Amino acid sequence: MKSIRFTMLSSLALALLGPCFGTGLANAQGLTGKFTLPFEARWGTAALRPGDYSFKLEHAPGGSLYLYRGTKPVAIVYAQSFDQKASGHDALMVVRENAPATIREMKLSSAGLVLYYAPHRPRRGSAPEERQAGLAIPVDVTPAGE
């Protein structure tokens, strides 16, 4: 009897909460885009060479980001966290501490989404070493169905 009641309450809770999460998912579901990386960079555990890349974001927000170089898949990266309040231009935010650079966030303002990524190897250094120079790389985004 208790398990039936629990199942019914769980189903009711999911039904009531579904629309709350659905709006953010609809905004970024099926996004595709492209960017040009002018230098070598790390994105999560992926090491990327300079060149033209395309991407497909699935199960957003914070879902799977598939990276391609031409038609060849090169990596799948997962966001550490996300924010659904993005403004400004669509861009990759890159930190250049030492070689290679690290991609730390993907700003998809056209979808109202910012995806945050953890560095591959977090480390602590002296104050001058921890000062980071940021760089924005433009991203062209295409919503699903276009």
N, C-alpha and C. Protein backbone atom coordinates (compact mmCIF):
# COMPACT_ATOMS: atom_id res chain seq x y z
N MET A 1 0.81 -1.19 0.00
CA MET A 1 0.00 0.00 0.00
C MET A 1 0.86 1.26 0.00
N LYS A 2 1.94 1.23 0.84
CA LYS A 2 2.82 2.40 0.90
C LYS A 2 3.54 2.62 -0.43
N SER A 3 3.94 1.53 -1.10
CA SER A 3 4.65 1.68 -2.37
C SER A 3 3.73 2.23 -3.45
N ILE A 4 2.46 1.88 -3.43
CA ILE A 4 1.51 2.43 -4.40
C ILE A 4 1.33 3.92 -4.17
N ARG A 5 1.20 4.31 -2.90
CA ARG A 5 1.04 5.73 -2.55
C ARG A 5 2.29 6.51 -2.97
N PHE A 6 3.48 5.95 -2.69
CA PHE A 6 4.73 6.61 -3.07
C PHE A 6 4.82 6.79 -4.59
N THR A 7 4.45 5.75 -5.34
CA THR A 7 4.48 5.81 -6.80
C THR A 7 3.52 6.87 -7.32
N MET A 8 2.34 6.94 -6.74
CA MET A 8 1.36 7.95 -7.19
C MET A 8 1.84 9.35 -6.86
N LEU A 9 2.41 9.56 -5.66
CA LEU A 9 2.92 10.88 -5.29
C LEU A 9 4.11 11.27 -6.16
N SER A 10 4.98 10.32 -6.47
CA SER A 10 6.13 10.61 -7.33
C SER A 10 5.67 11.02 -8.73
N SER A 11 4.69 10.30 -9.27
CA SER A 11 4.16 10.63 -10.60
C SER A 11 3.52 12.00 -10.61
N LEU A 12 2.77 12.32 -9.55
CA LEU A 12 2.13 13.63 -9.45
C LEU A 12 3.17 14.74 -9.37
N ALA A 13 4.23 14.53 -8.57
CA ALA A 13 5.29 15.53 -8.44
C ALA A 13 5.98 15.76 -9.78
N LEU A 14 6.29 14.69 -10.51
CA LEU A 14 6.93 14.84 -11.83
C LEU A 14 6.02 15.58 -12.80
N ALA A 15 4.73 15.28 -12.75
CA ALA A 15 3.78 15.95 -13.65
C ALA A 15 3.70 17.44 -13.35
N LEU A 16 3.76 17.80 -12.08
CA LEU A 16 3.68 19.22 -11.70
C LEU A 16 4.98 19.97 -11.98
N LEU A 17 6.12 19.30 -11.81
CA LEU A 17 7.41 19.95 -12.02
C LEU A 17 7.86 19.94 -13.47
N GLY A 18 7.31 19.10 -14.30
CA GLY A 18 7.72 18.99 -15.70
C GLY A 18 7.74 20.30 -16.45
N PRO A 19 6.65 21.10 -16.40
CA PRO A 19 6.66 22.37 -17.13
C PRO A 19 7.72 23.35 -16.65
N CYS A 20 8.12 23.27 -15.38
CA CYS A 20 9.15 24.17 -14.85
C CYS A 20 10.48 23.94 -15.56
N PHE A 21 10.80 22.68 -15.83
CA PHE A 21 12.07 22.36 -16.47
C PHE A 21 11.96 22.37 -17.99
N GLY A 22 10.79 22.25 -18.52
CA GLY A 22 10.60 22.14 -19.96
C GLY A 22 10.96 23.38 -20.74
N THR A 23 10.77 24.57 -20.16
CA THR A 23 11.03 25.80 -20.91
C THR A 23 12.50 25.95 -21.24
N GLY A 24 13.38 25.67 -20.30
CA GLY A 24 14.81 25.76 -20.57
C GLY A 24 15.26 24.71 -21.57
N LEU A 25 14.69 23.54 -21.47
CA LEU A 25 15.07 22.48 -22.39
C LEU A 25 14.64 22.80 -23.81
N ALA A 26 13.48 23.40 -23.95
CA ALA A 26 12.99 23.72 -25.29
C ALA A 26 13.86 24.78 -25.95
N ASN A 27 14.40 25.71 -25.17
CA ASN A 27 15.21 26.79 -25.73
C ASN A 27 16.49 26.29 -26.37
N ALA A 28 17.12 25.29 -25.79
CA ALA A 28 18.43 24.89 -26.27
C ALA A 28 18.45 23.51 -26.89
N GLN A 29 17.34 22.85 -26.96
CA GLN A 29 17.32 21.49 -27.51
C GLN A 29 17.68 21.51 -29.00
N GLY A 30 18.60 20.69 -29.39
CA GLY A 30 18.93 20.55 -30.79
C GLY A 30 19.72 21.70 -31.38
N LEU A 31 20.45 22.45 -30.56
CA LEU A 31 21.28 23.53 -31.10
C LEU A 31 22.48 22.98 -31.83
N THR A 32 22.80 23.60 -32.93
CA THR A 32 24.04 23.30 -33.66
C THR A 32 24.76 24.60 -33.90
N GLY A 33 26.03 24.51 -34.18
CA GLY A 33 26.79 25.73 -34.44
C GLY A 33 28.19 25.41 -34.90
N LYS A 34 28.99 26.47 -35.04
CA LYS A 34 30.36 26.30 -35.49
C LYS A 34 31.23 27.42 -34.94
N PHE A 35 32.52 27.16 -34.89
CA PHE A 35 33.49 28.15 -34.44
C PHE A 35 34.85 27.79 -35.02
N THR A 36 35.76 28.76 -35.02
CA THR A 36 37.13 28.55 -35.47
C THR A 36 38.05 28.75 -34.28
N LEU A 37 38.82 27.74 -33.99
CA LEU A 37 39.78 27.80 -32.89
C LEU A 37 41.13 28.22 -33.46
N PRO A 38 41.65 29.41 -33.09
CA PRO A 38 42.91 29.89 -33.69
C PRO A 38 44.17 29.32 -33.04
N PHE A 39 44.02 28.53 -31.99
CA PHE A 39 45.17 27.98 -31.29
C PHE A 39 44.77 26.66 -30.64
N GLU A 40 45.76 25.92 -30.14
CA GLU A 40 45.50 24.66 -29.45
C GLU A 40 44.81 24.96 -28.12
N ALA A 41 43.83 24.11 -27.75
CA ALA A 41 43.11 24.33 -26.50
C ALA A 41 42.63 23.01 -25.92
N ARG A 42 42.38 23.02 -24.62
CA ARG A 42 41.79 21.87 -23.93
C ARG A 42 40.34 22.22 -23.62
N TRP A 43 39.47 21.25 -23.81
CA TRP A 43 38.05 21.43 -23.47
C TRP A 43 37.66 20.16 -22.72
N GLY A 44 37.62 20.26 -21.40
CA GLY A 44 37.45 19.06 -20.59
C GLY A 44 38.67 18.18 -20.78
N THR A 45 38.46 16.94 -21.15
CA THR A 45 39.59 16.04 -21.39
C THR A 45 40.04 16.03 -22.84
N ALA A 46 39.34 16.76 -23.70
CA ALA A 46 39.67 16.78 -25.14
C ALA A 46 40.78 17.80 -25.43
N ALA A 47 41.74 17.40 -26.24
CA ALA A 47 42.78 18.30 -26.72
C ALA A 47 42.42 18.67 -28.16
N LEU A 48 42.20 19.95 -28.40
CA LEU A 48 41.76 20.41 -29.72
C LEU A 48 42.87 21.17 -30.42
N ARG A 49 43.06 20.87 -31.70
CA ARG A 49 44.05 21.58 -32.51
C ARG A 49 43.39 22.80 -33.14
N PRO A 50 44.17 23.76 -33.61
CA PRO A 50 43.58 24.91 -34.29
C PRO A 50 42.79 24.44 -35.52
N GLY A 51 41.70 25.14 -35.82
CA GLY A 51 40.92 24.79 -37.00
C GLY A 51 39.44 25.08 -36.83
N ASP A 52 38.67 24.67 -37.82
CA ASP A 52 37.22 24.87 -37.84
C ASP A 52 36.52 23.68 -37.19
N TYR A 53 35.57 23.98 -36.32
CA TYR A 53 34.81 22.95 -35.61
C TYR A 53 33.33 23.25 -35.73
N SER A 54 32.54 22.20 -35.60
CA SER A 54 31.10 22.34 -35.49
C SER A 54 30.68 21.58 -34.24
N PHE A 55 29.47 21.88 -33.75
CA PHE A 55 29.00 21.20 -32.54
C PHE A 55 27.50 20.98 -32.61
N LYS A 56 27.06 20.04 -31.78
CA LYS A 56 25.63 19.77 -31.63
C LYS A 56 25.38 19.60 -30.14
N LEU A 57 24.45 20.36 -29.60
CA LEU A 57 24.11 20.28 -28.19
C LEU A 57 22.83 19.48 -28.04
N GLU A 58 22.90 18.38 -27.29
CA GLU A 58 21.73 17.54 -27.05
C GLU A 58 21.45 17.48 -25.57
N HIS A 59 20.19 17.26 -25.24
CA HIS A 59 19.75 17.12 -23.85
C HIS A 59 20.13 18.34 -23.02
N ALA A 60 19.91 19.51 -23.59
CA ALA A 60 20.25 20.75 -22.89
C ALA A 60 19.21 21.05 -21.85
N PRO A 61 19.47 21.85 -20.87
CA PRO A 61 20.76 22.49 -20.61
C PRO A 61 21.69 21.54 -19.86
N GLY A 62 22.95 21.77 -20.03
CA GLY A 62 23.95 20.99 -19.33
C GLY A 62 24.11 19.57 -19.85
N GLY A 63 23.68 19.31 -21.06
CA GLY A 63 23.74 17.96 -21.60
C GLY A 63 25.00 17.67 -22.36
N SER A 64 24.87 16.85 -23.37
CA SER A 64 26.00 16.39 -24.17
C SER A 64 26.29 17.38 -25.29
N LEU A 65 27.55 17.78 -25.40
CA LEU A 65 27.99 18.64 -26.49
C LEU A 65 28.93 17.82 -27.36
N TYR A 66 28.50 17.55 -28.60
CA TYR A 66 29.28 16.75 -29.54
C TYR A 66 30.09 17.70 -30.41
N LEU A 67 31.41 17.50 -30.46
CA LEU A 67 32.30 18.33 -31.27
C LEU A 67 32.75 17.56 -32.49
N TYR A 68 32.78 18.27 -33.64
CA TYR A 68 33.19 17.67 -34.91
C TYR A 68 34.23 18.57 -35.57
N ARG A 69 35.15 17.93 -36.27
CA ARG A 69 36.09 18.64 -37.13
C ARG A 69 35.83 18.11 -38.53
N GLY A 70 35.16 18.94 -39.35
CA GLY A 70 34.64 18.45 -40.62
C GLY A 70 33.49 17.52 -40.31
N THR A 71 33.55 16.30 -40.81
CA THR A 71 32.51 15.32 -40.50
C THR A 71 32.97 14.32 -39.43
N LYS A 72 34.21 14.47 -38.97
CA LYS A 72 34.78 13.53 -38.01
C LYS A 72 34.47 13.96 -36.57
N PRO A 73 33.82 13.08 -35.79
CA PRO A 73 33.59 13.40 -34.38
C PRO A 73 34.93 13.42 -33.63
N VAL A 74 35.16 14.45 -32.82
CA VAL A 74 36.43 14.54 -32.09
C VAL A 74 36.27 14.46 -30.58
N ALA A 75 35.10 14.81 -30.03
CA ALA A 75 34.93 14.77 -28.58
C ALA A 75 33.47 14.93 -28.19
N ILE A 76 33.18 14.45 -27.00
CA ILE A 76 31.91 14.74 -26.34
C ILE A 76 32.30 15.38 -25.01
N VAL A 77 31.79 16.58 -24.75
CA VAL A 77 32.09 17.26 -23.49
C VAL A 77 30.79 17.51 -22.74
N TYR A 78 30.90 17.46 -21.42
CA TYR A 78 29.74 17.64 -20.56
C TYR A 78 29.96 18.86 -19.68
N ALA A 79 28.94 19.69 -19.56
CA ALA A 79 29.04 20.89 -18.74
C ALA A 79 29.08 20.53 -17.26
N GLN A 80 29.88 21.28 -16.52
CA GLN A 80 29.93 21.10 -15.07
C GLN A 80 28.70 21.74 -14.44
N SER A 81 28.28 22.88 -15.00
CA SER A 81 27.07 23.56 -14.55
C SER A 81 26.57 24.45 -15.69
N PHE A 82 25.43 25.08 -15.48
CA PHE A 82 24.88 25.95 -16.51
C PHE A 82 24.08 27.07 -15.86
N ASP A 83 23.80 28.09 -16.65
CA ASP A 83 22.98 29.22 -16.22
C ASP A 83 22.05 29.55 -17.38
N GLN A 84 20.81 29.83 -17.08
CA GLN A 84 19.85 30.14 -18.14
C GLN A 84 19.62 31.64 -18.28
N LYS A 85 20.61 32.43 -17.91
CA LYS A 85 20.54 33.88 -18.06
C LYS A 85 21.78 34.35 -18.80
N ALA A 86 21.75 34.26 -20.10
CA ALA A 86 22.90 34.65 -20.92
C ALA A 86 22.56 35.93 -21.67
N SER A 87 23.55 36.81 -21.78
CA SER A 87 23.37 38.02 -22.57
C SER A 87 24.65 38.27 -23.35
N GLY A 88 24.56 39.12 -24.32
CA GLY A 88 25.74 39.41 -25.14
C GLY A 88 25.78 38.53 -26.37
N HIS A 89 26.99 38.29 -26.84
CA HIS A 89 27.20 37.51 -28.06
C HIS A 89 27.43 36.04 -27.75
N ASP A 90 27.11 35.17 -28.71
CA ASP A 90 27.44 33.76 -28.60
C ASP A 90 28.96 33.64 -28.71
N ALA A 91 29.60 32.97 -27.75
CA ALA A 91 31.06 32.89 -27.76
C ALA A 91 31.55 31.77 -26.86
N LEU A 92 32.76 31.30 -27.16
CA LEU A 92 33.51 30.42 -26.27
C LEU A 92 34.40 31.32 -25.43
N MET A 93 34.40 31.12 -24.13
CA MET A 93 35.27 31.90 -23.25
C MET A 93 36.47 31.03 -22.90
N VAL A 94 37.65 31.54 -23.26
CA VAL A 94 38.89 30.77 -23.15
C VAL A 94 39.81 31.43 -22.15
N VAL A 95 40.46 30.61 -21.33
CA VAL A 95 41.45 31.09 -20.38
C VAL A 95 42.82 30.66 -20.90
N ARG A 96 43.73 31.62 -20.98
CA ARG A 96 45.08 31.31 -21.48
C ARG A 96 46.07 31.53 -20.35
N GLU A 97 46.24 30.52 -19.51
CA GLU A 97 47.24 30.59 -18.43
C GLU A 97 48.59 30.21 -19.01
N ASN A 98 48.68 29.00 -19.40
CA ASN A 98 49.87 28.42 -20.05
C ASN A 98 49.36 27.69 -21.27
N ALA A 99 50.28 27.21 -22.10
CA ALA A 99 49.86 26.43 -23.26
C ALA A 99 49.47 25.04 -22.78
N PRO A 100 48.45 24.43 -23.25
CA PRO A 100 47.43 24.99 -24.12
C PRO A 100 46.38 25.77 -23.33
N ALA A 101 45.60 26.56 -24.04
CA ALA A 101 44.52 27.32 -23.44
C ALA A 101 43.42 26.36 -22.99
N THR A 102 42.49 26.85 -22.16
CA THR A 102 41.40 26.03 -21.65
C THR A 102 40.07 26.71 -21.92
N ILE A 103 39.13 26.00 -22.52
CA ILE A 103 37.78 26.53 -22.73
C ILE A 103 37.00 26.32 -21.44
N ARG A 104 36.52 27.42 -20.85
CA ARG A 104 35.86 27.37 -19.55
C ARG A 104 34.35 27.57 -19.62
N GLU A 105 33.87 28.24 -20.69
CA GLU A 105 32.42 28.38 -20.82
C GLU A 105 32.02 28.59 -22.27
N MET A 106 30.79 28.20 -22.56
CA MET A 106 30.20 28.41 -23.87
C MET A 106 28.95 29.25 -23.65
N LYS A 107 28.99 30.47 -24.15
CA LYS A 107 27.89 31.41 -24.00
C LYS A 107 27.00 31.32 -25.23
N LEU A 108 25.78 30.85 -25.05
CA LEU A 108 24.81 30.73 -26.14
C LEU A 108 23.66 31.68 -25.85
N SER A 109 23.94 32.97 -25.98
CA SER A 109 22.96 34.00 -25.66
C SER A 109 21.70 33.88 -26.49
N SER A 110 21.82 33.45 -27.74
CA SER A 110 20.65 33.32 -28.60
C SER A 110 19.68 32.27 -28.06
N ALA A 111 20.17 31.35 -27.23
CA ALA A 111 19.32 30.34 -26.60
C ALA A 111 19.10 30.63 -25.11
N GLY A 112 19.69 31.74 -24.62
CA GLY A 112 19.56 32.07 -23.21
C GLY A 112 20.26 31.08 -22.30
N LEU A 113 21.46 30.64 -22.68
CA LEU A 113 22.14 29.58 -21.95
C LEU A 113 23.64 29.82 -21.89
N VAL A 114 24.24 29.57 -20.74
CA VAL A 114 25.69 29.57 -20.58
C VAL A 114 26.07 28.23 -19.97
N LEU A 115 27.00 27.52 -20.61
CA LEU A 115 27.50 26.23 -20.12
C LEU A 115 28.89 26.45 -19.55
N TYR A 116 29.12 25.96 -18.33
CA TYR A 116 30.41 26.13 -17.66
C TYR A 116 31.15 24.79 -17.63
N TYR A 117 32.46 24.84 -17.91
CA TYR A 117 33.28 23.64 -17.97
C TYR A 117 34.44 23.73 -16.99
N ALA A 118 34.76 22.61 -16.37
CA ALA A 118 35.87 22.55 -15.42
C ALA A 118 37.18 22.44 -16.20
N PRO A 119 38.26 22.95 -15.64
CA PRO A 119 39.56 22.76 -16.29
C PRO A 119 39.96 21.29 -16.24
N HIS A 120 40.78 20.89 -17.19
CA HIS A 120 41.23 19.49 -17.25
C HIS A 120 42.04 19.12 -16.01
N ARG A 121 43.01 19.95 -15.68
CA ARG A 121 43.85 19.72 -14.51
C ARG A 121 43.89 20.97 -13.66
N PRO A 122 42.98 21.10 -12.70
CA PRO A 122 43.04 22.29 -11.87
C PRO A 122 44.33 22.29 -11.04
N ARG A 123 44.94 23.44 -10.93
CA ARG A 123 46.16 23.52 -10.14
C ARG A 123 46.24 24.88 -9.48
N ARG A 124 46.97 24.97 -8.42
CA ARG A 124 47.16 26.23 -7.73
C ARG A 124 48.61 26.64 -7.91
N GLY A 125 48.81 27.91 -8.12
CA GLY A 125 50.16 28.43 -8.28
C GLY A 125 50.31 29.71 -7.51
N SER A 126 51.37 30.42 -7.79
CA SER A 126 51.58 31.70 -7.13
C SER A 126 50.57 32.71 -7.69
N ALA A 127 50.44 33.84 -7.04
CA ALA A 127 49.47 34.86 -7.47
C ALA A 127 49.67 35.26 -8.93
N PRO A 128 50.91 35.54 -9.38
CA PRO A 128 51.06 35.89 -10.80
C PRO A 128 50.65 34.77 -11.74
N GLU A 129 50.88 33.51 -11.34
CA GLU A 129 50.51 32.39 -12.20
C GLU A 129 49.00 32.22 -12.28
N GLU A 130 48.30 32.61 -11.21
CA GLU A 130 46.85 32.43 -11.19
C GLU A 130 46.10 33.54 -11.92
N ARG A 131 46.77 34.62 -12.24
CA ARG A 131 46.12 35.66 -13.03
C ARG A 131 45.86 35.09 -14.41
N GLN A 132 44.63 35.25 -14.86
CA GLN A 132 44.24 34.63 -16.11
C GLN A 132 43.85 35.69 -17.13
N ALA A 133 44.27 35.50 -18.33
CA ALA A 133 43.86 36.38 -19.41
C ALA A 133 42.74 35.68 -20.17
N GLY A 134 41.57 36.30 -20.24
CA GLY A 134 40.43 35.70 -20.93
C GLY A 134 40.36 36.13 -22.38
N LEU A 135 39.75 35.30 -23.19
CA LEU A 135 39.60 35.56 -24.62
C LEU A 135 38.27 34.99 -25.06
N ALA A 136 37.55 35.72 -25.89
CA ALA A 136 36.26 35.25 -26.43
C ALA A 136 36.42 34.87 -27.89
N ILE A 137 35.95 33.68 -28.24
CA ILE A 137 35.96 33.20 -29.64
C ILE A 137 34.52 33.17 -30.10
N PRO A 138 34.17 33.88 -31.17
CA PRO A 138 32.78 33.91 -31.64
C PRO A 138 32.27 32.51 -32.04
N VAL A 139 30.99 32.31 -31.78
CA VAL A 139 30.32 31.05 -32.11
C VAL A 139 29.08 31.39 -32.93
N ASP A 140 28.87 30.69 -34.05
CA ASP A 140 27.66 30.82 -34.85
C ASP A 140 26.71 29.71 -34.45
N VAL A 141 25.49 30.08 -34.00
CA VAL A 141 24.54 29.10 -33.49
C VAL A 141 23.35 29.02 -34.42
N THR A 142 22.87 27.78 -34.67
CA THR A 142 21.69 27.55 -35.48
C THR A 142 20.68 26.76 -34.65
N PRO A 143 19.52 27.37 -34.33
CA PRO A 143 18.49 26.62 -33.60
C PRO A 143 17.95 25.46 -34.44
N ALA A 144 17.39 24.47 -33.78
CA ALA A 144 16.84 23.30 -34.46
C ALA A 144 15.78 23.72 -35.46
N GLY A 145 15.75 23.06 -36.58
CA GLY A 145 14.72 23.30 -37.60
C GLY A 145 15.07 24.39 -38.61
N GLU A 146 16.27 24.95 -38.52
CA GLU A 146 16.66 25.98 -39.49
C GLU A 146 17.72 25.48 -40.42
